[in-house]
PDB file of all heavy atoms in Angstrom:
ATOM      1  N   ASN A   1       0.850  -1.191   0.024  1.00  0.00           N
ATOM      2  CA  ASN A   1       0.018   0.012  -0.014  1.00  0.00           C
ATOM      3  C   ASN A   1       0.882   1.218  -0.004  1.00  0.00           C
ATOM      4  O   ASN A   1       1.200   1.830   1.035  1.00  0.00           O
ATOM      5  CB  ASN A   1      -0.920   0.011   1.265  1.00  0.00           C
ATOM      6  CG  ASN A   1      -2.023   1.053   1.117  1.00  0.00           C
ATOM      7  OD1 ASN A   1      -1.855   2.043   0.488  1.00  0.00           O
ATOM      8  ND2 ASN A   1      -3.062   0.760   1.897  1.00  0.00           N
ATOM      9  N   ASP A   2       1.365   1.667  -1.207  1.00  0.00           N
ATOM     10  CA  ASP A   2       2.354   2.710  -1.276  1.00  0.00           C
ATOM     11  C   ASP A   2       1.729   4.097  -0.891  1.00  0.00           C
ATOM     12  O   ASP A   2       2.439   4.964  -0.304  1.00  0.00           O
ATOM     13  CB  ASP A   2       2.819   2.836  -2.760  1.00  0.00           C
ATOM     14  CG  ASP A   2       3.648   1.565  -3.155  1.00  0.00           C
ATOM     15  OD1 ASP A   2       4.171   0.887  -2.228  1.00  0.00           O
ATOM     16  OD2 ASP A   2       3.681   1.330  -4.410  1.00  0.00           O
ATOM     17  N   ARG A   3       0.446   4.232  -1.081  1.00  0.00           N
ATOM     18  CA  ARG A   3      -0.189   5.545  -0.686  1.00  0.00           C
ATOM     19  C   ARG A   3      -0.118   5.769   0.777  1.00  0.00           C
ATOM     20  O   ARG A   3       0.368   6.838   1.261  1.00  0.00           O
ATOM     21  CB  ARG A   3      -1.579   5.574  -1.172  1.00  0.00           C
ATOM     22  CG  ARG A   3      -2.377   6.931  -0.898  1.00  0.00           C
ATOM     23  CD  ARG A   3      -3.787   6.835  -1.319  1.00  0.00           C
ATOM     24  NE  ARG A   3      -4.569   5.880  -0.519  1.00  0.00           N
ATOM     25  CZ  ARG A   3      -5.011   6.090   0.679  1.00  0.00           C
ATOM     26  NH1 ARG A   3      -4.773   7.235   1.274  1.00  0.00           N
ATOM     27  NH2 ARG A   3      -5.634   5.107   1.301  1.00  0.00           N
ATOM     28  N   LYS A   4      -0.502   4.706   1.578  1.00  0.00           N
ATOM     29  CA  LYS A   4      -0.462   4.901   3.016  1.00  0.00           C
ATOM     30  C   LYS A   4       0.996   4.928   3.577  1.00  0.00           C
ATOM     31  O   LYS A   4       1.273   5.595   4.540  1.00  0.00           O
ATOM     32  CB  LYS A   4      -1.249   3.818   3.735  1.00  0.00           C
ATOM     33  CG  LYS A   4      -2.792   4.082   3.714  1.00  0.00           C
ATOM     34  CD  LYS A   4      -3.475   3.272   4.834  1.00  0.00           C
ATOM     35  CE  LYS A   4      -4.849   3.716   5.043  1.00  0.00           C
ATOM     36  NZ  LYS A   4      -5.531   3.082   6.193  1.00  0.00           N
ATOM     37  N   ALA A   5       1.846   4.138   2.928  1.00  0.00           N
ATOM     38  CA  ALA A   5       3.252   4.191   3.286  1.00  0.00           C
ATOM     39  C   ALA A   5       3.827   5.517   3.169  1.00  0.00           C
ATOM     40  O   ALA A   5       4.559   5.974   4.037  1.00  0.00           O
ATOM     41  CB  ALA A   5       4.058   3.161   2.492  1.00  0.00           C
ATOM     42  N   LEU A   6       3.566   6.201   2.079  1.00  0.00           N
ATOM     43  CA  LEU A   6       4.033   7.562   1.835  1.00  0.00           C
ATOM     44  C   LEU A   6       3.460   8.516   2.886  1.00  0.00           C
ATOM     45  O   LEU A   6       4.151   9.445   3.416  1.00  0.00           O
ATOM     46  CB  LEU A   6       3.771   8.047   0.435  1.00  0.00           C
ATOM     47  CG  LEU A   6       4.230   9.434   0.013  1.00  0.00           C
ATOM     48  CD1 LEU A   6       5.752   9.540   0.221  1.00  0.00           C
ATOM     49  CD2 LEU A   6       3.801   9.767  -1.355  1.00  0.00           C
ATOM     50  N   GLU A   7       2.161   8.387   3.126  1.00  0.00           N
ATOM     51  CA  GLU A   7       1.419   9.266   4.069  1.00  0.00           C
ATOM     52  C   GLU A   7       2.076   9.206   5.421  1.00  0.00           C
ATOM     53  O   GLU A   7       2.394  10.256   6.073  1.00  0.00           O
ATOM     54  CB  GLU A   7       0.009   8.831   4.140  1.00  0.00           C
ATOM     55  CG  GLU A   7      -0.863   9.643   5.124  1.00  0.00           C
ATOM     56  CD  GLU A   7      -2.236   9.072   5.258  1.00  0.00           C
ATOM     57  OE1 GLU A   7      -2.753   8.464   4.311  1.00  0.00           O
ATOM     58  OE2 GLU A   7      -2.900   9.189   6.390  1.00  0.00           O
ATOM     59  N   TYR A   8       2.333   7.962   5.936  1.00  0.00           N
ATOM     60  CA  TYR A   8       2.953   7.884   7.304  1.00  0.00           C
ATOM     61  C   TYR A   8       4.377   8.223   7.289  1.00  0.00           C
ATOM     62  O   TYR A   8       4.896   8.727   8.269  1.00  0.00           O
ATOM     63  CB  TYR A   8       2.750   6.456   7.807  1.00  0.00           C
ATOM     64  CG  TYR A   8       1.327   6.192   8.327  1.00  0.00           C
ATOM     65  CD1 TYR A   8       0.496   5.362   7.679  1.00  0.00           C
ATOM     66  CD2 TYR A   8       0.901   6.871   9.478  1.00  0.00           C
ATOM     67  CE1 TYR A   8      -0.826   5.114   8.209  1.00  0.00           C
ATOM     68  CE2 TYR A   8      -0.350   6.657  10.043  1.00  0.00           C
ATOM     69  CZ  TYR A   8      -1.243   5.825   9.377  1.00  0.00           C
ATOM     70  OH  TYR A   8      -2.473   5.598   9.838  1.00  0.00           O
ATOM     71  N   HIS A   9       5.058   8.113   6.110  1.00  0.00           N
ATOM     72  CA  HIS A   9       6.487   8.491   6.087  1.00  0.00           C
ATOM     73  C   HIS A   9       6.562  10.007   6.223  1.00  0.00           C
ATOM     74  O   HIS A   9       7.467  10.470   6.853  1.00  0.00           O
ATOM     75  CB  HIS A   9       7.134   7.973   4.766  1.00  0.00           C
ATOM     76  CG  HIS A   9       8.583   8.373   4.657  1.00  0.00           C
ATOM     77  ND1 HIS A   9       9.486   7.806   5.372  1.00  0.00           N
ATOM     78  CD2 HIS A   9       9.142   9.387   3.911  1.00  0.00           C
ATOM     79  CE1 HIS A   9      10.720   8.305   5.167  1.00  0.00           C
ATOM     80  NE2 HIS A   9      10.491   9.231   4.187  1.00  0.00           N
ATOM     81  N   LYS A  10       5.626  10.759   5.610  1.00  0.00           N
ATOM     82  CA  LYS A  10       5.686  12.191   5.720  1.00  0.00           C
ATOM     83  C   LYS A  10       5.418  12.619   7.121  1.00  0.00           C
ATOM     84  O   LYS A  10       6.079  13.524   7.677  1.00  0.00           O
ATOM     85  CB  LYS A  10       4.546  12.768   4.829  1.00  0.00           C
ATOM     86  CG  LYS A  10       4.880  12.679   3.315  1.00  0.00           C
ATOM     87  CD  LYS A  10       3.826  13.303   2.471  1.00  0.00           C
ATOM     88  CE  LYS A  10       4.101  13.265   0.997  1.00  0.00           C
ATOM     89  NZ  LYS A  10       3.003  13.830   0.183  1.00  0.00           N
ATOM     90  N   GLN A  11       4.447  11.932   7.867  1.00  0.00           N
ATOM     91  CA  GLN A  11       4.215  12.240   9.195  1.00  0.00           C
ATOM     92  C   GLN A  11       5.465  11.933  10.087  1.00  0.00           C
ATOM     93  O   GLN A  11       5.743  12.646  11.054  1.00  0.00           O
ATOM     94  CB  GLN A  11       3.010  11.482   9.753  1.00  0.00           C
ATOM     95  CG  GLN A  11       1.711  11.836   9.116  1.00  0.00           C
ATOM     96  CD  GLN A  11       0.498  11.165   9.686  1.00  0.00           C
ATOM     97  OE1 GLN A  11       0.203  11.254  10.878  1.00  0.00           O
ATOM     98  NE2 GLN A  11      -0.193  10.372   8.896  1.00  0.00           N
ATOM     99  N   TYR A  12       6.153  10.858   9.722  1.00  0.00           N
ATOM    100  CA  TYR A  12       7.364  10.472  10.479  1.00  0.00           C
ATOM    101  C   TYR A  12       8.398  11.612  10.363  1.00  0.00           C
ATOM    102  O   TYR A  12       9.056  11.926  11.335  1.00  0.00           O
ATOM    103  CB  TYR A  12       7.893   9.179   9.887  1.00  0.00           C
ATOM    104  CG  TYR A  12       9.261   8.813  10.386  1.00  0.00           C
ATOM    105  CD1 TYR A  12       9.520   8.256  11.619  1.00  0.00           C
ATOM    106  CD2 TYR A  12      10.372   9.031   9.507  1.00  0.00           C
ATOM    107  CE1 TYR A  12      10.850   7.922  12.055  1.00  0.00           C
ATOM    108  CE2 TYR A  12      11.676   8.733   9.967  1.00  0.00           C
ATOM    109  CZ  TYR A  12      11.905   8.224  11.194  1.00  0.00           C
ATOM    110  OH  TYR A  12      13.182   7.890  11.608  1.00  0.00           O
ATOM    111  N   GLU A  13       8.639  12.022   9.075  1.00  0.00           N
ATOM    112  CA  GLU A  13       9.610  13.063   8.858  1.00  0.00           C
ATOM    113  C   GLU A  13       9.259  14.406   9.620  1.00  0.00           C
ATOM    114  O   GLU A  13      10.136  15.054  10.142  1.00  0.00           O
ATOM    115  CB  GLU A  13       9.714  13.342   7.387  1.00  0.00           C
ATOM    116  CG  GLU A  13      10.430  12.247   6.631  1.00  0.00           C
ATOM    117  CD  GLU A  13      11.869  11.968   6.976  1.00  0.00           C
ATOM    118  OE1 GLU A  13      12.521  12.950   7.462  1.00  0.00           O
ATOM    119  OE2 GLU A  13      12.375  10.843   6.939  1.00  0.00           O
ATOM    120  N   ALA A  14       7.958  14.699   9.552  1.00  0.00           N
ATOM    121  CA  ALA A  14       7.490  15.943  10.204  1.00  0.00           C
ATOM    122  C   ALA A  14       7.783  15.899  11.724  1.00  0.00           C
ATOM    123  O   ALA A  14       8.243  16.825  12.382  1.00  0.00           O
ATOM    124  CB  ALA A  14       6.058  16.176   9.884  1.00  0.00           C
ATOM    125  N   MET A  15       7.394  14.753  12.344  1.00  0.00           N
ATOM    126  CA  MET A  15       7.603  14.495  13.749  1.00  0.00           C
ATOM    127  C   MET A  15       9.069  14.513  14.091  1.00  0.00           C
ATOM    128  O   MET A  15       9.525  15.013  15.170  1.00  0.00           O
ATOM    129  CB  MET A  15       6.954  13.187  14.199  1.00  0.00           C
ATOM    130  CG  MET A  15       6.987  12.986  15.726  1.00  0.00           C
ATOM    131  SD  MET A  15       6.131  14.255  16.658  1.00  0.00           S
ATOM    132  CE  MET A  15       4.396  13.923  16.226  1.00  0.00           C
ATOM    133  N   LYS A  16       9.914  13.904  13.224  1.00  0.00           N
ATOM    134  CA  LYS A  16      11.331  13.814  13.468  1.00  0.00           C
ATOM    135  C   LYS A  16      11.934  15.232  13.482  1.00  0.00           C
ATOM    136  O   LYS A  16      12.789  15.573  14.337  1.00  0.00           O
ATOM    137  CB  LYS A  16      11.947  13.040  12.305  1.00  0.00           C
ATOM    138  CG  LYS A  16      13.512  12.841  12.386  1.00  0.00           C
ATOM    139  CD  LYS A  16      13.986  12.026  11.240  1.00  0.00           C
ATOM    140  CE  LYS A  16      15.526  11.914  11.331  1.00  0.00           C
ATOM    141  NZ  LYS A  16      16.031  11.159  10.106  1.00  0.00           N
ATOM    142  N   ASP A  17      11.524  16.104  12.617  1.00  0.00           N
ATOM    143  CA  ASP A  17      11.955  17.444  12.556  1.00  0.00           C
ATOM    144  C   ASP A  17      11.526  18.278  13.787  1.00  0.00           C
ATOM    145  O   ASP A  17      12.256  19.155  14.285  1.00  0.00           O
ATOM    146  CB  ASP A  17      11.535  18.136  11.230  1.00  0.00           C
ATOM    147  CG  ASP A  17      12.202  17.596  10.038  1.00  0.00           C
ATOM    148  OD1 ASP A  17      13.278  17.018  10.141  1.00  0.00           O
ATOM    149  OD2 ASP A  17      11.643  17.740   8.927  1.00  0.00           O
ATOM    150  N   SER A  18      10.304  17.955  14.271  1.00  0.00           N
ATOM    151  CA  SER A  18       9.785  18.684  15.465  1.00  0.00           C
ATOM    152  C   SER A  18      10.534  18.324  16.704  1.00  0.00           C
ATOM    153  O   SER A  18      10.533  19.103  17.666  1.00  0.00           O
ATOM    154  CB  SER A  18       8.287  18.475  15.538  1.00  0.00           C
ATOM    155  OG  SER A  18       8.008  17.142  16.069  1.00  0.00           O
ATOM    156  N   VAL A  19      11.012  17.094  16.797  1.00  0.00           N
ATOM    157  CA  VAL A  19      11.646  16.613  18.018  1.00  0.00           C
ATOM    158  C   VAL A  19      12.947  17.360  18.127  1.00  0.00           C
ATOM    159  O   VAL A  19      13.298  17.733  19.253  1.00  0.00           O
ATOM    160  CB  VAL A  19      11.911  15.096  17.944  1.00  0.00           C
ATOM    161  CG1 VAL A  19      12.804  14.588  18.994  1.00  0.00           C
ATOM    162  CG2 VAL A  19      10.585  14.403  18.019  1.00  0.00           C
ATOM    163  N   VAL A  20      13.750  17.519  17.083  1.00  0.00           N
ATOM    164  CA  VAL A  20      15.019  18.214  17.207  1.00  0.00           C
ATOM    165  C   VAL A  20      15.019  19.390  16.274  1.00  0.00           C
ATOM    166  O   VAL A  20      15.179  19.215  15.054  1.00  0.00           O
ATOM    167  CB  VAL A  20      16.213  17.237  16.874  1.00  0.00           C
ATOM    168  CG1 VAL A  20      17.520  17.966  17.091  1.00  0.00           C
ATOM    169  CG2 VAL A  20      16.122  15.985  17.703  1.00  0.00           C
ATOM    170  N   SER A  21      14.895  20.564  16.804  1.00  0.00           N
ATOM    171  CA  SER A  21      14.872  21.783  15.970  1.00  0.00           C
ATOM    172  C   SER A  21      16.284  22.282  15.578  1.00  0.00           C
ATOM    173  O   SER A  21      17.261  21.928  16.238  1.00  0.00           O
ATOM    174  CB  SER A  21      14.174  22.954  16.720  1.00  0.00           C
ATOM    175  OG  SER A  21      14.928  23.313  17.812  1.00  0.00           O
ATOM    176  N   ASP A  22      16.341  22.989  14.470  1.00  0.00           N
ATOM    177  CA  ASP A  22      17.655  23.543  14.053  1.00  0.00           C
ATOM    178  C   ASP A  22      18.237  24.476  15.104  1.00  0.00           C
ATOM    179  O   ASP A  22      19.465  24.518  15.301  1.00  0.00           O
ATOM    180  CB  ASP A  22      17.501  24.228  12.737  1.00  0.00           C
ATOM    181  CG  ASP A  22      17.203  23.320  11.572  1.00  0.00           C
ATOM    182  OD1 ASP A  22      17.556  22.074  11.690  1.00  0.00           O
ATOM    183  OD2 ASP A  22      16.644  23.707  10.553  1.00  0.00           O
ATOM    184  N   ASN A  23      17.317  25.197  15.743  1.00  0.00           N
ATOM    185  CA  ASN A  23      17.839  26.134  16.773  1.00  0.00           C
ATOM    186  C   ASN A  23      18.453  25.428  17.928  1.00  0.00           C
ATOM    187  O   ASN A  23      19.552  25.823  18.444  1.00  0.00           O
ATOM    188  CB  ASN A  23      16.663  26.974  17.294  1.00  0.00           C
ATOM    189  CG  ASN A  23      17.100  28.017  18.342  1.00  0.00           C
ATOM    190  OD1 ASN A  23      17.940  28.847  18.050  1.00  0.00           O
ATOM    191  ND2 ASN A  23      16.411  27.982  19.505  1.00  0.00           N
ATOM    192  N   PHE A  24      17.877  24.277  18.287  1.00  0.00           N
ATOM    193  CA  PHE A  24      18.418  23.510  19.402  1.00  0.00           C
ATOM    194  C   PHE A  24      19.795  22.908  18.946  1.00  0.00           C
ATOM    195  O   PHE A  24      20.690  22.866  19.775  1.00  0.00           O
ATOM    196  CB  PHE A  24      17.500  22.364  19.745  1.00  0.00           C
ATOM    197  CG  PHE A  24      17.988  21.422  20.857  1.00  0.00           C
ATOM    198  CD1 PHE A  24      18.628  21.997  21.955  1.00  0.00           C
ATOM    199  CD2 PHE A  24      17.815  20.080  20.782  1.00  0.00           C
ATOM    200  CE1 PHE A  24      19.166  21.117  22.926  1.00  0.00           C
ATOM    201  CE2 PHE A  24      18.332  19.235  21.758  1.00  0.00           C
ATOM    202  CZ  PHE A  24      18.978  19.775  22.839  1.00  0.00           C
ATOM    203  N   LYS A  25      19.907  22.480  17.774  1.00  0.00           N
ATOM    204  CA  LYS A  25      21.173  21.926  17.216  1.00  0.00           C
ATOM    205  C   LYS A  25      22.251  23.021  17.370  1.00  0.00           C
ATOM    206  O   LYS A  25      23.396  22.731  17.699  1.00  0.00           O
ATOM    207  CB  LYS A  25      21.060  21.438  15.804  1.00  0.00           C
ATOM    208  CG  LYS A  25      20.249  20.216  15.690  1.00  0.00           C
ATOM    209  CD  LYS A  25      20.097  19.806  14.209  1.00  0.00           C
ATOM    210  CE  LYS A  25      19.204  18.558  14.099  1.00  0.00           C
ATOM    211  NZ  LYS A  25      19.106  18.080  12.614  1.00  0.00           N
ATOM    212  N   ARG A  26      21.941  24.237  17.032  1.00  0.00           N
ATOM    213  CA  ARG A  26      22.861  25.334  17.103  1.00  0.00           C
ATOM    214  C   ARG A  26      23.268  25.590  18.596  1.00  0.00           C
ATOM    215  O   ARG A  26      24.458  25.768  18.937  1.00  0.00           O
ATOM    216  CB  ARG A  26      22.324  26.638  16.433  1.00  0.00           C
ATOM    217  CG  ARG A  26      22.263  26.597  14.896  1.00  0.00           C
ATOM    218  CD  ARG A  26      21.988  27.914  14.356  1.00  0.00           C
ATOM    219  NE  ARG A  26      20.669  28.455  14.741  1.00  0.00           N
ATOM    220  CZ  ARG A  26      19.540  28.198  14.034  1.00  0.00           C
ATOM    221  NH1 ARG A  26      19.643  27.536  12.853  1.00  0.00           N
ATOM    222  NH2 ARG A  26      18.419  28.713  14.420  1.00  0.00           N
ATOM    223  N   THR A  27      22.274  25.608  19.430  1.00  0.00           N
ATOM    224  CA  THR A  27      22.551  25.785  20.863  1.00  0.00           C
ATOM    225  C   THR A  27      23.490  24.690  21.414  1.00  0.00           C
ATOM    226  O   THR A  27      24.447  24.945  22.131  1.00  0.00           O
ATOM    227  CB  THR A  27      21.203  25.747  21.652  1.00  0.00           C
ATOM    228  OG1 THR A  27      20.338  26.813  21.173  1.00  0.00           O
ATOM    229  CG2 THR A  27      21.427  26.008  23.121  1.00  0.00           C
ATOM    230  N   LEU A  28      23.196  23.448  21.031  1.00  0.00           N
ATOM    231  CA  LEU A  28      23.987  22.367  21.433  1.00  0.00           C
ATOM    232  C   LEU A  28      25.427  22.431  20.971  1.00  0.00           C
ATOM    233  O   LEU A  28      26.408  22.169  21.659  1.00  0.00           O
ATOM    234  CB  LEU A  28      23.373  21.074  20.983  1.00  0.00           C
ATOM    235  CG  LEU A  28      23.694  19.756  21.736  1.00  0.00           C
ATOM    236  CD1 LEU A  28      23.297  19.862  23.162  1.00  0.00           C
ATOM    237  CD2 LEU A  28      23.134  18.559  21.090  1.00  0.00           C
ATOM    238  N   PHE A  29      25.610  22.830  19.656  1.00  0.00           N
ATOM    239  CA  PHE A  29      26.884  23.021  19.065  1.00  0.00           C
ATOM    240  C   PHE A  29      27.698  24.110  19.898  1.00  0.00           C
ATOM    241  O   PHE A  29      28.885  23.937  20.141  1.00  0.00           O
ATOM    242  CB  PHE A  29      26.817  23.424  17.678  1.00  0.00           C
ATOM    243  CG  PHE A  29      28.108  23.675  16.970  1.00  0.00           C
ATOM    244  CD1 PHE A  29      28.927  22.609  16.586  1.00  0.00           C
ATOM    245  CD2 PHE A  29      28.531  24.917  16.725  1.00  0.00           C
ATOM    246  CE1 PHE A  29      30.098  22.780  15.996  1.00  0.00           C
ATOM    247  CE2 PHE A  29      29.771  25.136  16.084  1.00  0.00           C
ATOM    248  CZ  PHE A  29      30.608  24.057  15.765  1.00  0.00           C
ATOM    249  N   GLY A  30      26.983  25.256  20.203  1.00  0.00           N
ATOM    250  CA  GLY A  30      27.667  26.369  20.864  1.00  0.00           C
ATOM    251  C   GLY A  30      28.055  25.854  22.292  1.00  0.00           C
ATOM    252  O   GLY A  30      29.174  26.198  22.733  1.00  0.00           O
ATOM    253  N   PHE A  31      27.296  25.140  22.980  1.00  0.00           N
ATOM    254  CA  PHE A  31      27.643  24.635  24.335  1.00  0.00           C
ATOM    255  C   PHE A  31      28.797  23.690  24.160  1.00  0.00           C
ATOM    256  O   PHE A  31      29.765  23.666  25.052  1.00  0.00           O
ATOM    257  CB  PHE A  31      26.400  23.938  24.910  1.00  0.00           C
ATOM    258  CG  PHE A  31      26.673  23.432  26.319  1.00  0.00           C
ATOM    259  CD1 PHE A  31      26.576  24.284  27.395  1.00  0.00           C
ATOM    260  CD2 PHE A  31      27.060  22.141  26.510  1.00  0.00           C
ATOM    261  CE1 PHE A  31      26.826  23.816  28.683  1.00  0.00           C
ATOM    262  CE2 PHE A  31      27.323  21.603  27.804  1.00  0.00           C
ATOM    263  CZ  PHE A  31      27.157  22.534  28.894  1.00  0.00           C
ATOM    264  N   ARG A  32      28.818  22.853  23.124  1.00  0.00           N
ATOM    265  CA  ARG A  32      29.926  21.897  22.980  1.00  0.00           C
ATOM    266  C   ARG A  32      31.193  22.651  22.729  1.00  0.00           C
ATOM    267  O   ARG A  32      32.259  22.193  23.149  1.00  0.00           O
ATOM    268  CB  ARG A  32      29.655  20.939  21.827  1.00  0.00           C
ATOM    269  CG  ARG A  32      30.603  19.850  21.662  1.00  0.00           C
ATOM    270  CD  ARG A  32      30.111  18.698  20.829  1.00  0.00           C
ATOM    271  NE  ARG A  32      29.841  19.152  19.420  1.00  0.00           N
ATOM    272  CZ  ARG A  32      28.608  19.162  18.923  1.00  0.00           C
ATOM    273  NH1 ARG A  32      27.589  18.751  19.584  1.00  0.00           N
ATOM    274  NH2 ARG A  32      28.394  19.562  17.672  1.00  0.00           N
ATOM    275  N   GLN A  33      31.161  23.768  21.972  1.00  0.00           N
ATOM    276  CA  GLN A  33      32.338  24.543  21.765  1.00  0.00           C
ATOM    277  C   GLN A  33      32.868  25.161  23.035  1.00  0.00           C
ATOM    278  O   GLN A  33      34.141  25.195  23.305  1.00  0.00           O
ATOM    279  CB  GLN A  33      32.025  25.685  20.733  1.00  0.00           C
ATOM    280  CG  GLN A  33      31.738  25.217  19.289  1.00  0.00           C
ATOM    281  CD  GLN A  33      32.983  24.517  18.681  1.00  0.00           C
ATOM    282  OE1 GLN A  33      33.142  23.259  18.766  1.00  0.00           O
ATOM    283  NE2 GLN A  33      33.822  25.310  18.104  1.00  0.00           N
ATOM    284  N   GLU A  34      31.937  25.663  23.857  1.00  0.00           N
ATOM    285  CA  GLU A  34      32.355  26.215  25.151  1.00  0.00           C
ATOM    286  C   GLU A  34      33.069  25.139  26.063  1.00  0.00           C
ATOM    287  O   GLU A  34      34.009  25.416  26.701  1.00  0.00           O
ATOM    288  CB  GLU A  34      31.176  26.817  25.949  1.00  0.00           C
ATOM    289  CG  GLU A  34      30.595  28.116  25.205  1.00  0.00           C
ATOM    290  CD  GLU A  34      29.371  28.644  25.959  1.00  0.00           C
ATOM    291  OE1 GLU A  34      29.139  28.112  27.051  1.00  0.00           O
ATOM    292  OE2 GLU A  34      28.781  29.523  25.432  1.00  0.00           O
ATOM    293  N   ALA A  35      32.416  23.952  26.067  1.00  0.00           N
ATOM    294  CA  ALA A  35      32.946  22.920  26.791  1.00  0.00           C
ATOM    295  C   ALA A  35      34.331  22.508  26.355  1.00  0.00           C
ATOM    296  O   ALA A  35      35.184  22.195  27.146  1.00  0.00           O
ATOM    297  CB  ALA A  35      31.954  21.685  26.748  1.00  0.00           C
ATOM    298  N   GLU A  36      34.513  22.454  25.021  1.00  0.00           N
ATOM    299  CA  GLU A  36      35.797  22.170  24.477  1.00  0.00           C
ATOM    300  C   GLU A  36      36.880  23.165  24.839  1.00  0.00           C
ATOM    301  O   GLU A  36      37.996  22.831  25.195  1.00  0.00           O
ATOM    302  CB  GLU A  36      35.686  22.019  22.956  1.00  0.00           C
ATOM    303  CG  GLU A  36      36.938  21.616  22.268  1.00  0.00           C
ATOM    304  CD  GLU A  36      37.393  20.206  22.664  1.00  0.00           C
ATOM    305  OE1 GLU A  36      36.506  19.415  23.035  1.00  0.00           O
ATOM    306  OE2 GLU A  36      38.602  19.905  22.527  1.00  0.00           O
ATOM    307  N   ALA A  37      36.487  24.460  24.798  1.00  0.00           N
ATOM    308  CA  ALA A  37      37.388  25.466  25.231  1.00  0.00           C
ATOM    309  C   ALA A  37      37.769  25.321  26.727  1.00  0.00           C
ATOM    310  O   ALA A  37      38.932  25.518  27.096  1.00  0.00           O
ATOM    311  CB  ALA A  37      36.746  26.841  25.062  1.00  0.00           C
ATOM    312  N   GLY A  38      36.779  24.951  27.558  1.00  0.00           N
ATOM    313  CA  GLY A  38      37.029  24.725  28.968  1.00  0.00           C
ATOM    314  C   GLY A  38      37.959  23.566  29.179  1.00  0.00           C
ATOM    315  O   GLY A  38      38.883  23.573  30.012  1.00  0.00           O
ATOM    316  N   ARG A  39      37.839  22.480  28.342  1.00  0.00           N
ATOM    317  CA  ARG A  39      38.673  21.335  28.459  1.00  0.00           C
ATOM    318  C   ARG A  39      40.147  21.712  28.064  1.00  0.00           C
ATOM    319  O   ARG A  39      41.082  21.224  28.725  1.00  0.00           O
ATOM    320  CB  ARG A  39      38.164  20.153  27.573  1.00  0.00           C
ATOM    321  CG  ARG A  39      37.094  19.384  28.245  1.00  0.00           C
ATOM    322  CD  ARG A  39      36.843  18.029  27.555  1.00  0.00           C
ATOM    323  NE  ARG A  39      36.422  18.266  26.101  1.00  0.00           N
ATOM    324  CZ  ARG A  39      35.191  18.297  25.825  1.00  0.00           C
ATOM    325  NH1 ARG A  39      34.220  18.251  26.709  1.00  0.00           N
ATOM    326  NH2 ARG A  39      34.794  18.503  24.534  1.00  0.00           N
TER     327      ARG A  39
END
């Protein structure tokens, strides 16, 4: 059932993007840089 498979895959991708935002990734990267400088 390719139609439903595609429908749920789109919902999967949308939920995946909502779990980890680009802004959070940038925040995490900045914190990691600060931690590395401290190390």
